[in-house]
C-alpha atoms as a PDB file:
ATOM      1  CA  MET A   1     129.510  98.426  33.310  1.00  0.00           C
ATOM      2  CA  ALA A   2     128.369  95.003  34.509  1.00  0.00           C
ATOM      3  CA  ALA A   3     124.641  94.576  35.113  1.00  0.00           C
ATOM      4  CA  VAL A   4     123.468  93.971  38.674  1.00  0.00           C
ATOM      5  CA  VAL A   5     121.228  90.935  38.956  1.00  0.00           C
ATOM      6  CA  VAL A   6     118.766  90.979  41.853  1.00  0.00           C
ATOM      7  CA  LYS A   7     117.128  87.693  42.719  1.00  0.00           C
ATOM      8  CA  PRO A   8     113.301  87.825  42.995  1.00  0.00           C
ATOM      9  CA  HIS A   9     113.266  86.157  46.424  1.00  0.00           C
ATOM     10  CA  ALA A  10     115.615  88.854  47.781  1.00  0.00           C
ATOM     11  CA  ILE A  11     113.166  91.575  46.723  1.00  0.00           C
ATOM     12  CA  THR A  12     110.321  89.646  48.371  1.00  0.00           C
ATOM     13  CA  GLN A  13     112.255  89.372  51.616  1.00  0.00           C
ATOM     14  CA  ILE A  14     112.920  93.094  51.661  1.00  0.00           C
ATOM     15  CA  ARG A  15     109.285  93.956  50.985  1.00  0.00           C
ATOM     16  CA  LEU A  16     107.989  91.597  53.681  1.00  0.00           C
ATOM     17  CA  THR A  17     110.357  92.812  56.395  1.00  0.00           C
ATOM     18  CA  VAL A  18     108.212  94.470  59.063  1.00  0.00           C
ATOM     19  CA  GLY A  19     109.557  95.897  62.301  1.00  0.00           C
ATOM     20  CA  PRO A  20     107.782  95.549  65.625  1.00  0.00           C
ATOM     21  CA  PRO A  21     105.148  98.106  66.756  1.00  0.00           C
ATOM     22  CA  PRO A  22     104.464 100.947  67.188  1.00  0.00           C
ATOM     23  CA  HIS A  23     103.941 101.731  63.487  1.00  0.00           C
ATOM     24  CA  TRP A  24     102.220 105.114  63.806  1.00  0.00           C
ATOM     25  CA  ARG A  25     104.008 107.872  61.955  1.00  0.00           C
ATOM     26  CA  CYS A  26     103.900 110.856  64.306  1.00  0.00           C
ATOM     27  CA  GLY A  27     107.232 112.596  63.750  1.00  0.00           C
ATOM     28  CA  HIS A  28     108.672 111.665  67.142  1.00  0.00           C
ATOM     29  CA  THR A  29     111.480 109.287  68.040  1.00  0.00           C
ATOM     30  CA  LEU A  30     110.893 106.343  70.339  1.00  0.00           C
ATOM     31  CA  GLY A  31     113.053 107.991  72.981  1.00  0.00           C
ATOM     32  CA  SER A  32     110.981 111.178  72.976  1.00  0.00           C
ATOM     33  CA  LEU A  33     107.751 109.160  73.185  1.00  0.00           C
ATOM     34  CA  MET A  34     109.022 107.210  76.184  1.00  0.00           C
ATOM     35  CA  ALA A  35     110.160 110.441  77.837  1.00  0.00           C
ATOM     36  CA  LEU A  36     106.622 111.766  77.464  1.00  0.00           C
ATOM     37  CA  CYS A  37     105.163 108.537  78.876  1.00  0.00           C
ATOM     38  CA  CYS A  38     107.490 108.703  81.890  1.00  0.00           C
ATOM     39  CA  ALA A  39     106.518 112.336  82.373  1.00  0.00           C
ATOM     40  CA  ALA A  40     102.856 111.285  82.350  1.00  0.00           C
ATOM     41  CA  LEU A  41     103.621 108.909  85.226  1.00  0.00           C
ATOM     42  CA  LEU A  42     105.229 111.659  87.321  1.00  0.00           C
ATOM     43  CA  PRO A  43     101.988 112.930  88.963  1.00  0.00           C
ATOM     44  CA  ALA A  44     101.080 109.438  90.165  1.00  0.00           C
ATOM     45  CA  MET A  45     104.628 108.717  91.318  1.00  0.00           C
ATOM     46  CA  ALA A  46     104.792 112.016  93.184  1.00  0.00           C
ATOM     47  CA  MET A  47     101.480 111.314  94.925  1.00  0.00           C
ATOM     48  CA  ALA A  48     102.639 107.804  95.840  1.00  0.00           C
ATOM     49  CA  VAL A  49     105.853 109.128  97.405  1.00  0.00           C
ATOM     50  CA  TRP A  50     103.932 111.876  99.211  1.00  0.00           C
ATOM     51  CA  ARG A  51     101.471 109.377 100.697  1.00  0.00           C
ATOM     52  CA  HIS A  52     103.775 106.418 101.367  1.00  0.00           C
ATOM     53  CA  GLY A  53     107.117 108.102 101.916  1.00  0.00           C
ATOM     54  CA  LEU A  54     110.514 106.594 101.197  1.00  0.00           C
ATOM     55  CA  ASP A  55     109.084 103.087 100.844  1.00  0.00           C
ATOM     56  CA  ALA A  56     107.345 104.141  97.634  1.00  0.00           C
ATOM     57  CA  ALA A  57     110.490 105.861  96.346  1.00  0.00           C
ATOM     58  CA  ARG A  58     112.496 102.711  97.100  1.00  0.00           C
ATOM     59  CA  VAL A  59     110.128 100.483  95.084  1.00  0.00           C
ATOM     60  CA  LEU A  60     110.022 102.881  92.125  1.00  0.00           C
ATOM     61  CA  ALA A  61     113.773 103.441  91.974  1.00  0.00           C
ATOM     62  CA  LEU A  62     114.651  99.774  92.395  1.00  0.00           C
ATOM     63  CA  ALA A  63     112.186  98.545  89.766  1.00  0.00           C
ATOM     64  CA  GLY A  64     113.351 101.124  87.218  1.00  0.00           C
ATOM     65  CA  ALA A  65     117.040 100.406  87.823  1.00  0.00           C
ATOM     66  CA  VAL A  66     116.656  96.607  87.683  1.00  0.00           C
ATOM     67  CA  ALA A  67     114.647  96.851  84.465  1.00  0.00           C
ATOM     68  CA  VAL A  68     117.333  98.954  82.751  1.00  0.00           C
ATOM     69  CA  ILE A  69     120.198  96.734  83.945  1.00  0.00           C
ATOM     70  CA  SER A  70     118.311  93.587  82.919  1.00  0.00           C
ATOM     71  CA  GLU A  71     117.716  95.008  79.445  1.00  0.00           C
ATOM     72  CA  VAL A  72     121.432  95.711  78.957  1.00  0.00           C
ATOM     73  CA  LEU A  73     122.559  92.291  80.194  1.00  0.00           C
ATOM     74  CA  LEU A  74     119.960  90.298  78.245  1.00  0.00           C
ATOM     75  CA  GLU A  75     120.576  92.169  74.982  1.00  0.00           C
ATOM     76  CA  ARG A  76     124.312  91.546  75.272  1.00  0.00           C
ATOM     77  CA  LEU A  77     123.752  87.864  76.029  1.00  0.00           C
ATOM     78  CA  ALA A  78     121.485  87.602  72.990  1.00  0.00           C
ATOM     79  CA  GLY A  79     124.026  89.359  70.777  1.00  0.00           C
ATOM     80  CA  ARG A  80     121.662  92.218  69.975  1.00  0.00           C
ATOM     81  CA  GLU A  81     122.343  95.909  69.771  1.00  0.00           C
ATOM     82  CA  VAL A  82     121.941  97.539  73.176  1.00  0.00           C
ATOM     83  CA  ASP A  83     119.272 100.227  72.758  1.00  0.00           C
ATOM     84  CA  VAL A  84     118.417 100.831  76.396  1.00  0.00           C
ATOM     85  CA  ASP A  85     118.797 104.571  75.817  1.00  0.00           C
ATOM     86  CA  ASN A  86     115.359 104.657  74.146  1.00  0.00           C
ATOM     87  CA  GLY A  87     113.759 104.551  77.611  1.00  0.00           C
ATOM     88  CA  THR A  88     111.384 101.642  77.053  1.00  0.00           C
ATOM     89  CA  ALA A  89     112.929  99.473  79.767  1.00  0.00           C
ATOM     90  CA  LEU A  90     112.765 102.286  82.318  1.00  0.00           C
ATOM     91  CA  TYR A  91     109.139 102.991  81.415  1.00  0.00           C
ATOM     92  CA  HIS A  92     108.091  99.363  81.805  1.00  0.00           C
ATOM     93  CA  GLY A  93     110.021  99.068  85.053  1.00  0.00           C
ATOM     94  CA  LEU A  94     108.198 102.076  86.491  1.00  0.00           C
ATOM     95  CA  LEU A  95     104.842 100.715  85.326  1.00  0.00           C
ATOM     96  CA  PHE A  96     105.578  97.437  87.086  1.00  0.00           C
ATOM     97  CA  ALA A  97     106.401  99.341  90.285  1.00  0.00           C
ATOM     98  CA  MET A  98     103.054 101.140  90.075  1.00  0.00           C
ATOM     99  CA  LEU A  99     101.341  97.759  90.483  1.00  0.00           C
ATOM    100  CA  LEU A 100     103.129  96.971  93.757  1.00  0.00           C
ATOM    101  CA  PRO A 101     102.374  98.081  97.316  1.00  0.00           C
ATOM    102  CA  ALA A 102     104.911 100.224  99.114  1.00  0.00           C
ATOM    103  CA  THR A 103     105.600  97.310 101.472  1.00  0.00           C
ATOM    104  CA  ALA A 104     106.895  95.027  98.686  1.00  0.00           C
ATOM    105  CA  PRO A 105     110.269  93.522  99.741  1.00  0.00           C
ATOM    106  CA  TRP A 106     113.340  94.350  97.686  1.00  0.00           C
ATOM    107  CA  TRP A 107     113.822  90.815  96.356  1.00  0.00           C
ATOM    108  CA  LEU A 108     110.241  90.699  95.037  1.00  0.00           C
ATOM    109  CA  VAL A 109     110.695  94.043  93.274  1.00  0.00           C
ATOM    110  CA  THR A 110     113.967  92.809  91.775  1.00  0.00           C
ATOM    111  CA  ALA A 111     112.527  89.491  90.600  1.00  0.00           C
ATOM    112  CA  GLY A 112     109.413  91.099  89.148  1.00  0.00           C
ATOM    113  CA  ALA A 113     111.319  93.825  87.294  1.00  0.00           C
ATOM    114  CA  PHE A 114     113.669  91.208  85.817  1.00  0.00           C
ATOM    115  CA  CYS A 115     110.717  89.060  84.677  1.00  0.00           C
ATOM    116  CA  THR A 116     109.108  92.153  83.164  1.00  0.00           C
ATOM    117  CA  ILE A 117     112.062  92.494  80.797  1.00  0.00           C
ATOM    118  CA  ALA A 118     113.115  88.843  80.395  1.00  0.00           C
ATOM    119  CA  LEU A 119     109.731  87.111  80.118  1.00  0.00           C
ATOM    120  CA  GLY A 120     107.695  90.099  78.988  1.00  0.00           C
ATOM    121  CA  ARG A 121     109.980  91.360  76.216  1.00  0.00           C
ATOM    122  CA  THR A 122     113.326  89.677  75.520  1.00  0.00           C
ATOM    123  CA  VAL A 123     112.080  86.136  74.869  1.00  0.00           C
ATOM    124  CA  PHE A 124     109.716  87.494  72.204  1.00  0.00           C
ATOM    125  CA  GLY A 125     112.298  89.647  70.437  1.00  0.00           C
ATOM    126  CA  GLY A 126     112.354  92.855  72.428  1.00  0.00           C
ATOM    127  CA  PHE A 127     110.151  95.914  72.718  1.00  0.00           C
ATOM    128  CA  GLY A 128     107.178  95.894  70.362  1.00  0.00           C
ATOM    129  CA  ALA A 129     107.320  92.160  69.666  1.00  0.00           C
ATOM    130  CA  ASN A 130     105.716  91.212  72.992  1.00  0.00           C
ATOM    131  CA  PRO A 131     102.248  89.597  72.812  1.00  0.00           C
ATOM    132  CA  PHE A 132     101.502  90.527  76.447  1.00  0.00           C
ATOM    133  CA  CYS A 133     101.892  93.780  78.347  1.00  0.00           C
ATOM    134  CA  PRO A 134     105.381  93.346  79.952  1.00  0.00           C
ATOM    135  CA  PRO A 135     104.657  94.956  83.368  1.00  0.00           C
ATOM    136  CA  LEU A 136     101.636  92.687  83.756  1.00  0.00           C
ATOM    137  CA  VAL A 137     103.779  89.645  82.982  1.00  0.00           C
ATOM    138  CA  GLY A 138     106.172  90.595  85.779  1.00  0.00           C
ATOM    139  CA  TRP A 139     103.277  91.283  88.122  1.00  0.00           C
ATOM    140  CA  ALA A 140     101.602  87.954  87.281  1.00  0.00           C
ATOM    141  CA  VAL A 141     104.814  86.061  88.101  1.00  0.00           C
ATOM    142  CA  CYS A 142     104.962  87.749  91.500  1.00  0.00           C
ATOM    143  CA  ALA A 143     101.235  87.270  92.136  1.00  0.00           C
ATOM    144  CA  VAL A 144     101.424  83.548  91.422  1.00  0.00           C
ATOM    145  CA  SER A 145     104.715  82.938  93.236  1.00  0.00           C
ATOM    146  CA  TRP A 146     104.491  85.274  96.247  1.00  0.00           C
ATOM    147  CA  GLU A 147     100.857  86.243  96.508  1.00  0.00           C
ATOM    148  CA  ARG A 148     100.904  86.949 100.226  1.00  0.00           C
ATOM    149  CA  PHE A 149     103.470  89.728  99.760  1.00  0.00           C
ATOM    150  CA  LEU A 150     101.083  91.459  97.342  1.00  0.00           C
ATOM    151  CA  ASP A 151      97.927  90.827  99.375  1.00  0.00           C
ATOM    152  CA  LEU A 152      96.835  94.229 100.616  1.00  0.00           C
ATOM    153  CA  ASP A 153      94.528  92.703 103.220  1.00  0.00           C
ATOM    154  CA  LEU A 154      97.496  91.261 105.093  1.00  0.00           C
ATOM    155  CA  VAL A 155      99.073  94.688 105.550  1.00  0.00           C
ATOM    156  CA  LEU A 156      95.799  96.377 106.427  1.00  0.00           C
ATOM    157  CA  ALA A 157      96.944  97.168 109.967  1.00  0.00           C
ATOM    158  CA  HIS A 158      99.765  99.347 108.612  1.00  0.00           C
ATOM    159  CA  TRP A 159      97.460 101.666 106.655  1.00  0.00           C
ATOM    160  CA  PRO A 160      95.014 104.286 107.902  1.00  0.00           C
ATOM    161  CA  THR A 161      92.363 103.497 105.288  1.00  0.00           C
ATOM    162  CA  PRO A 162      90.984 100.108 104.171  1.00  0.00           C
ATOM    163  CA  ASP A 163      90.998  98.460 100.759  1.00  0.00           C
ATOM    164  CA  PRO A 164      87.564  99.239  99.260  1.00  0.00           C
ATOM    165  CA  LEU A 165      87.651  96.303  96.841  1.00  0.00           C
ATOM    166  CA  ALA A 166      88.358  93.864  99.674  1.00  0.00           C
ATOM    167  CA  GLN A 167      85.515  95.370 101.668  1.00  0.00           C
ATOM    168  CA  LEU A 168      83.142  94.951  98.734  1.00  0.00           C
ATOM    169  CA  LYS A 169      84.159  91.353  98.101  1.00  0.00           C
ATOM    170  CA  PHE A 170      84.197  90.067 101.683  1.00  0.00           C
ATOM    171  CA  LEU A 171      81.853  92.410 103.554  1.00  0.00           C
ATOM    172  CA  GLY A 172      79.317  93.319 100.886  1.00  0.00           C
ATOM    173  CA  VAL A 173      78.131  96.533  99.274  1.00  0.00           C
ATOM    174  CA  GLN A 174      76.962  97.907 102.637  1.00  0.00           C
ATOM    175  CA  ALA A 175      80.603  98.275 103.699  1.00  0.00           C
ATOM    176  CA  VAL A 176      81.408 100.657 100.818  1.00  0.00           C
ATOM    177  CA  ASP A 177      78.166 102.626 100.613  1.00  0.00           C
ATOM    178  CA  GLY A 178      79.528 105.259 102.965  1.00  0.00           C
ATOM    179  CA  LEU A 179      82.866 105.705 101.181  1.00  0.00           C
ATOM    180  CA  PRO A 180      82.981 109.099  99.416  1.00  0.00           C
ATOM    181  CA  LEU A 181      83.777 108.711  95.720  1.00  0.00           C
ATOM    182  CA  ALA A 182      85.866 111.877  95.885  1.00  0.00           C
ATOM    183  CA  ASP A 183      88.163 110.267  98.466  1.00  0.00           C
ATOM    184  CA  LEU A 184      88.537 107.168  96.312  1.00  0.00           C
ATOM    185  CA  PHE A 185      89.310 109.266  93.246  1.00  0.00           C
ATOM    186  CA  LEU A 186      91.889 111.350  95.133  1.00  0.00           C
ATOM    187  CA  GLY A 187      93.733 108.298  96.429  1.00  0.00           C
ATOM    188  CA  ASN A 188      92.468 108.058 100.003  1.00  0.00           C
ATOM    189  CA  GLN A 189      92.368 104.265  99.851  1.00  0.00           C
ATOM    190  CA  LEU A 190      94.619 101.273 100.317  1.00  0.00           C
ATOM    191  CA  GLY A 191      96.122 100.048  97.061  1.00  0.00           C
ATOM    192  CA  PRO A 192      99.235  99.689  94.900  1.00  0.00           C
ATOM    193  CA  LEU A 193     101.446 102.723  94.363  1.00  0.00           C
ATOM    194  CA  GLY A 194      99.916 103.880  91.113  1.00  0.00           C
ATOM    195  CA  ALA A 195      96.615 102.069  91.063  1.00  0.00           C
ATOM    196  CA  SER A 196      95.205 103.971  94.037  1.00  0.00           C
ATOM    197  CA  GLN A 197      96.159 107.441  92.724  1.00  0.00           C
ATOM    198  CA  GLY A 198      93.166 107.883  90.428  1.00  0.00           C
ATOM    199  CA  ALA A 199      93.288 111.654  89.945  1.00  0.00           C
ATOM    200  CA  ALA A 200      97.041 111.686  89.301  1.00  0.00           C
ATOM    201  CA  VAL A 201      96.835 108.785  86.841  1.00  0.00           C
ATOM    202  CA  LEU A 202      93.984 110.506  85.010  1.00  0.00           C
ATOM    203  CA  ALA A 203      96.060 113.684  84.742  1.00  0.00           C
ATOM    204  CA  GLY A 204      98.890 111.719  83.151  1.00  0.00           C
ATOM    205  CA  GLY A 205      96.496 109.961  80.798  1.00  0.00           C
ATOM    206  CA  LEU A 206      94.996 113.271  79.656  1.00  0.00           C
ATOM    207  CA  LEU A 207      98.523 114.535  78.971  1.00  0.00           C
ATOM    208  CA  LEU A 208      99.118 111.601  76.633  1.00  0.00           C
ATOM    209  CA  LEU A 209      95.778 112.127  74.891  1.00  0.00           C
ATOM    210  CA  LEU A 210      96.255 115.872  74.411  1.00  0.00           C
ATOM    211  CA  SER A 211      99.790 115.376  73.106  1.00  0.00           C
ATOM    212  CA  GLY A 212      98.588 112.883  70.503  1.00  0.00           C
ATOM    213  CA  ARG A 213     100.818 110.121  71.896  1.00  0.00           C
ATOM    214  CA  LEU A 214      97.796 108.056  72.905  1.00  0.00           C
ATOM    215  CA  ARG A 215      94.769 107.415  70.749  1.00  0.00           C
ATOM    216  CA  PRO A 216      91.487 107.637  72.663  1.00  0.00           C
ATOM    217  CA  HIS A 217      89.935 104.422  71.336  1.00  0.00           C
ATOM    218  CA  ILE A 218      91.309 101.948  73.886  1.00  0.00           C
ATOM    219  CA  PRO A 219      91.113 104.145  77.033  1.00  0.00           C
ATOM    220  CA  LEU A 220      87.542 105.289  76.390  1.00  0.00           C
ATOM    221  CA  ALA A 221      86.373 101.828  75.336  1.00  0.00           C
ATOM    222  CA  PHE A 222      88.043 100.281  78.387  1.00  0.00           C
ATOM    223  CA  LEU A 223      86.324 102.687  80.781  1.00  0.00           C
ATOM    224  CA  ALA A 224      83.019 102.186  78.951  1.00  0.00           C
ATOM    225  CA  GLY A 225      83.360  98.413  79.269  1.00  0.00           C
ATOM    226  CA  VAL A 226      84.005  98.649  83.011  1.00  0.00           C
ATOM    227  CA  ALA A 227      81.065 101.010  83.541  1.00  0.00           C
ATOM    228  CA  ALA A 228      78.645  99.009  81.382  1.00  0.00           C
ATOM    229  CA  MET A 229      79.369  95.649  83.022  1.00  0.00           C
ATOM    230  CA  ALA A 230      79.275  97.164  86.526  1.00  0.00           C
ATOM    231  CA  ALA A 231      75.948  98.825  85.723  1.00  0.00           C
ATOM    232  CA  LEU A 232      74.573  95.498  84.476  1.00  0.00           C
ATOM    233  CA  PHE A 233      75.615  93.687  87.651  1.00  0.00           C
ATOM    234  CA  GLN A 234      74.114  96.416  89.814  1.00  0.00           C
ATOM    235  CA  PHE A 235      70.861  96.318  87.837  1.00  0.00           C
ATOM    236  CA  LEU A 236      70.604  92.543  88.257  1.00  0.00           C
ATOM    237  CA  ASP A 237      71.492  92.565  91.978  1.00  0.00           C
ATOM    238  CA  PRO A 238      71.479  96.070  93.511  1.00  0.00           C
ATOM    239  CA  GLN A 239      71.664  94.679  97.056  1.00  0.00           C
ATOM    240  CA  THR A 240      75.159  93.216  96.653  1.00  0.00           C
ATOM    241  CA  GLN A 241      76.785  95.032  93.721  1.00  0.00           C
ATOM    242  CA  ALA A 242      78.431  98.465  93.685  1.00  0.00           C
ATOM    243  CA  GLY A 243      77.828 101.023  90.962  1.00  0.00           C
ATOM    244  CA  PRO A 244      79.959 101.918  87.942  1.00  0.00           C
ATOM    245  CA  LEU A 245      81.596 104.949  89.567  1.00  0.00           C
ATOM    246  CA  PHE A 246      82.882 102.812  92.430  1.00  0.00           C
ATOM    247  CA  HIS A 247      84.530 100.376  90.025  1.00  0.00           C
ATOM    248  CA  LEU A 248      86.027 103.187  87.942  1.00  0.00           C
ATOM    249  CA  CYS A 249      87.591 104.884  90.985  1.00  0.00           C
ATOM    250  CA  THR A 250      89.063 101.791  92.649  1.00  0.00           C
ATOM    251  CA  GLY A 251      91.880  99.419  91.841  1.00  0.00           C
ATOM    252  CA  ALA A 252      94.036  99.769  88.746  1.00  0.00           C
ATOM    253  CA  VAL A 253      91.222 100.672  86.330  1.00  0.00           C
ATOM    254  CA  LEU A 254      92.516 104.120  85.360  1.00  0.00           C
ATOM    255  CA  LEU A 255      96.111 102.899  85.238  1.00  0.00           C
ATOM    256  CA  GLY A 256      95.010 100.037  83.008  1.00  0.00           C
ATOM    257  CA  ALA A 257      92.941 102.258  80.734  1.00  0.00           C
ATOM    258  CA  PHE A 258      95.640 104.839  79.980  1.00  0.00           C
ATOM    259  CA  PHE A 259      98.937 102.989  80.430  1.00  0.00           C
ATOM    260  CA  LEU A 260      98.612  99.176  80.464  1.00  0.00           C
ATOM    261  CA  ALA A 261      95.891  98.267  77.970  1.00  0.00           C
ATOM    262  CA  PRO A 262      97.221 100.572  75.170  1.00  0.00           C
ATOM    263  CA  ASP A 263     100.696  98.949  75.237  1.00  0.00           C
ATOM    264  CA  ALA A 264     101.999  99.170  71.668  1.00  0.00           C
ATOM    265  CA  GLY A 265     103.083  95.563  71.197  1.00  0.00           C
ATOM    266  CA  SER A 266     100.159  93.798  72.854  1.00  0.00           C
ATOM    267  CA  SER A 267      97.189  95.876  71.639  1.00  0.00           C
ATOM    268  CA  PRO A 268      95.533  96.178  68.201  1.00  0.00           C
ATOM    269  CA  SER A 269      96.217  99.083  65.868  1.00  0.00           C
ATOM    270  CA  GLY A 270      92.996  99.346  63.826  1.00  0.00           C
ATOM    271  CA  HIS A 271      90.159 101.621  64.908  1.00  0.00           C
ATOM    272  CA  TRP A 272      87.446  98.995  65.392  1.00  0.00           C
ATOM    273  CA  PRO A 273      89.897  96.402  66.761  1.00  0.00           C
ATOM    274  CA  MET A 274      91.050  98.927  69.370  1.00  0.00           C
ATOM    275  CA  ILE A 275      87.465  99.681  70.404  1.00  0.00           C
ATOM    276  CA  LEU A 276      86.504  96.002  70.670  1.00  0.00           C
ATOM    277  CA  TYR A 277      89.712  95.237  72.536  1.00  0.00           C
ATOM    278  CA  GLY A 278      89.095  98.019  75.049  1.00  0.00           C
ATOM    279  CA  LEU A 279      85.469  97.031  75.576  1.00  0.00           C
ATOM    280  CA  LEU A 280      86.410  93.394  76.139  1.00  0.00           C
ATOM    281  CA  ALA A 281      89.200  94.170  78.597  1.00  0.00           C
ATOM    282  CA  GLY A 282      87.050  96.645  80.502  1.00  0.00           C
ATOM    283  CA  ALA A 283      84.049  94.337  80.713  1.00  0.00           C
ATOM    284  CA  LEU A 284      86.205  91.562  82.147  1.00  0.00           C
ATOM    285  CA  VAL A 285      87.269  93.695  85.115  1.00  0.00           C
ATOM    286  CA  PRO A 286      83.918  93.596  87.023  1.00  0.00           C
ATOM    287  CA  VAL A 287      83.465  89.961  85.996  1.00  0.00           C
ATOM    288  CA  ILE A 288      86.765  88.930  87.591  1.00  0.00           C
ATOM    289  CA  ARG A 289      86.068  91.097  90.624  1.00  0.00           C
ATOM    290  CA  LYS A 290      82.708  89.402  91.123  1.00  0.00           C
ATOM    291  CA  PHE A 291      83.500  85.766  90.323  1.00  0.00           C
ATOM    292  CA  GLY A 292      87.283  85.548  90.739  1.00  0.00           C
ATOM    293  CA  VAL A 293      89.348  85.016  93.860  1.00  0.00           C
ATOM    294  CA  HIS A 294      91.213  88.313  93.450  1.00  0.00           C
ATOM    295  CA  THR A 295      89.781  91.621  94.578  1.00  0.00           C
ATOM    296  CA  ASP A 296      91.014  93.609  91.551  1.00  0.00           C
ATOM    297  CA  GLY A 297      90.775  91.955  88.150  1.00  0.00           C
ATOM    298  CA  THR A 298      92.313  94.697  86.005  1.00  0.00           C
ATOM    299  CA  ALA A 299      95.662  92.992  85.394  1.00  0.00           C
ATOM    300  CA  TYR A 300      94.162  89.624  84.493  1.00  0.00           C
ATOM    301  CA  ALA A 301      91.484  91.241  82.327  1.00  0.00           C
ATOM    302  CA  ILE A 302      94.110  92.990  80.188  1.00  0.00           C
ATOM    303  CA  LEU A 303      96.233  89.854  79.913  1.00  0.00           C
ATOM    304  CA  LEU A 304      93.200  87.896  78.686  1.00  0.00           C
ATOM    305  CA  ALA A 305      92.395  90.617  76.158  1.00  0.00           C
ATOM    306  CA  ASN A 306      96.025  90.503  74.947  1.00  0.00           C
ATOM    307  CA  LEU A 307      95.377  86.929  73.812  1.00  0.00           C
ATOM    308  CA  LEU A 308      92.677  88.117  71.409  1.00  0.00           C
ATOM    309  CA  ALA A 309      94.509  91.208  70.132  1.00  0.00           C
ATOM    310  CA  PRO A 310      95.989  89.444  67.037  1.00  0.00           C
ATOM    311  CA  LEU A 311      92.562  88.106  66.079  1.00  0.00           C
ATOM    312  CA  LEU A 312      90.889  91.468  66.574  1.00  0.00           C
ATOM    313  CA  ASP A 313      93.540  93.138  64.423  1.00  0.00           C
ATOM    314  CA  ARG A 314      92.445  90.982  61.492  1.00  0.00           C
ATOM    315  CA  ILE A 315      89.239  93.027  61.338  1.00  0.00           C
ATOM    316  CA  ARG A 316      89.966  95.369  58.450  1.00  0.00           C
ATOM    317  CA  PRO A 317      87.864  98.023  56.715  1.00  0.00           C
ATOM    318  CA  LYS A 318      86.526  97.187  53.283  1.00  0.00           C
ATOM    319  CA  PRO A 319      88.631  98.450  50.374  1.00  0.00           C
ATOM    320  CA  PHE A 320      87.197 101.315  48.391  1.00  0.00           C
ATOM    321  CA  GLY A 321      84.662  99.877  45.964  1.00  0.00           C
ATOM    322  CA  GLY A 322      84.980  96.361  47.419  1.00  0.00           C
ATOM    323  CA  ARG A 323      82.217  94.071  48.608  1.00  0.00           C
END
């Protein structure tokens, strides 16, 4: 029998081949994990449809469908294997829809869902290889290009309740002192489809935590960062700044903590890197709300933290017996 000669560089290439995240070994397939994530979004989606009617259902269905179709077309154009059946494109499409108001026009939903897949995933190699959270990439494109269609203040007359973050920014803390925190937590406020459904989003996040699909480091650190920075601002200027509970119950904070910030490809995987990443992203939310031009800084805070995720992931524990 002839001997088989294996070149050393071939062995090195095989050993150094690493697939994209997630890398956690949990015994579940990617499809089953995405099915669980979509199920965790169901309470918030149901509340959005109940409150906003068919307009909310239209945005959710269109964003999910466009994301799936875009994934199929782009993978075929790139000559890659079409793996849209794993559910990742549908999940990211639904997450993008949760960041939109129910009044978003169909062409904006279509463009944003396409950018979520094309610019958020495909150009970087697909799911798991993305350095930024894909739904936030699609949302950022829409926010920069067609901001007035996402501006909740411009559609204020069509809603029975005001936007609490806009009231805080333009009218001062006196305008939100009388707003019951329970109403804000239960979704009685103007906001995007998923961002304003705090209780429903929290229920979905707890489902992911209890199932073991989501590690608690990033969500808890993110919420702690938001609360700590809001408490600091209120301590320094209590006459103009709202408290931590107000910031936790408004905007896309809960959606960001449980669904956007822990995105597998754009977040760290080590314990301390995850905690530092969550604290940084959460602390940036009140900072952007206070000093930025936008009322809710959750999306931009997570995108900025995504930039530092590779550096934070270089923080490693010491080897046993090492110095």
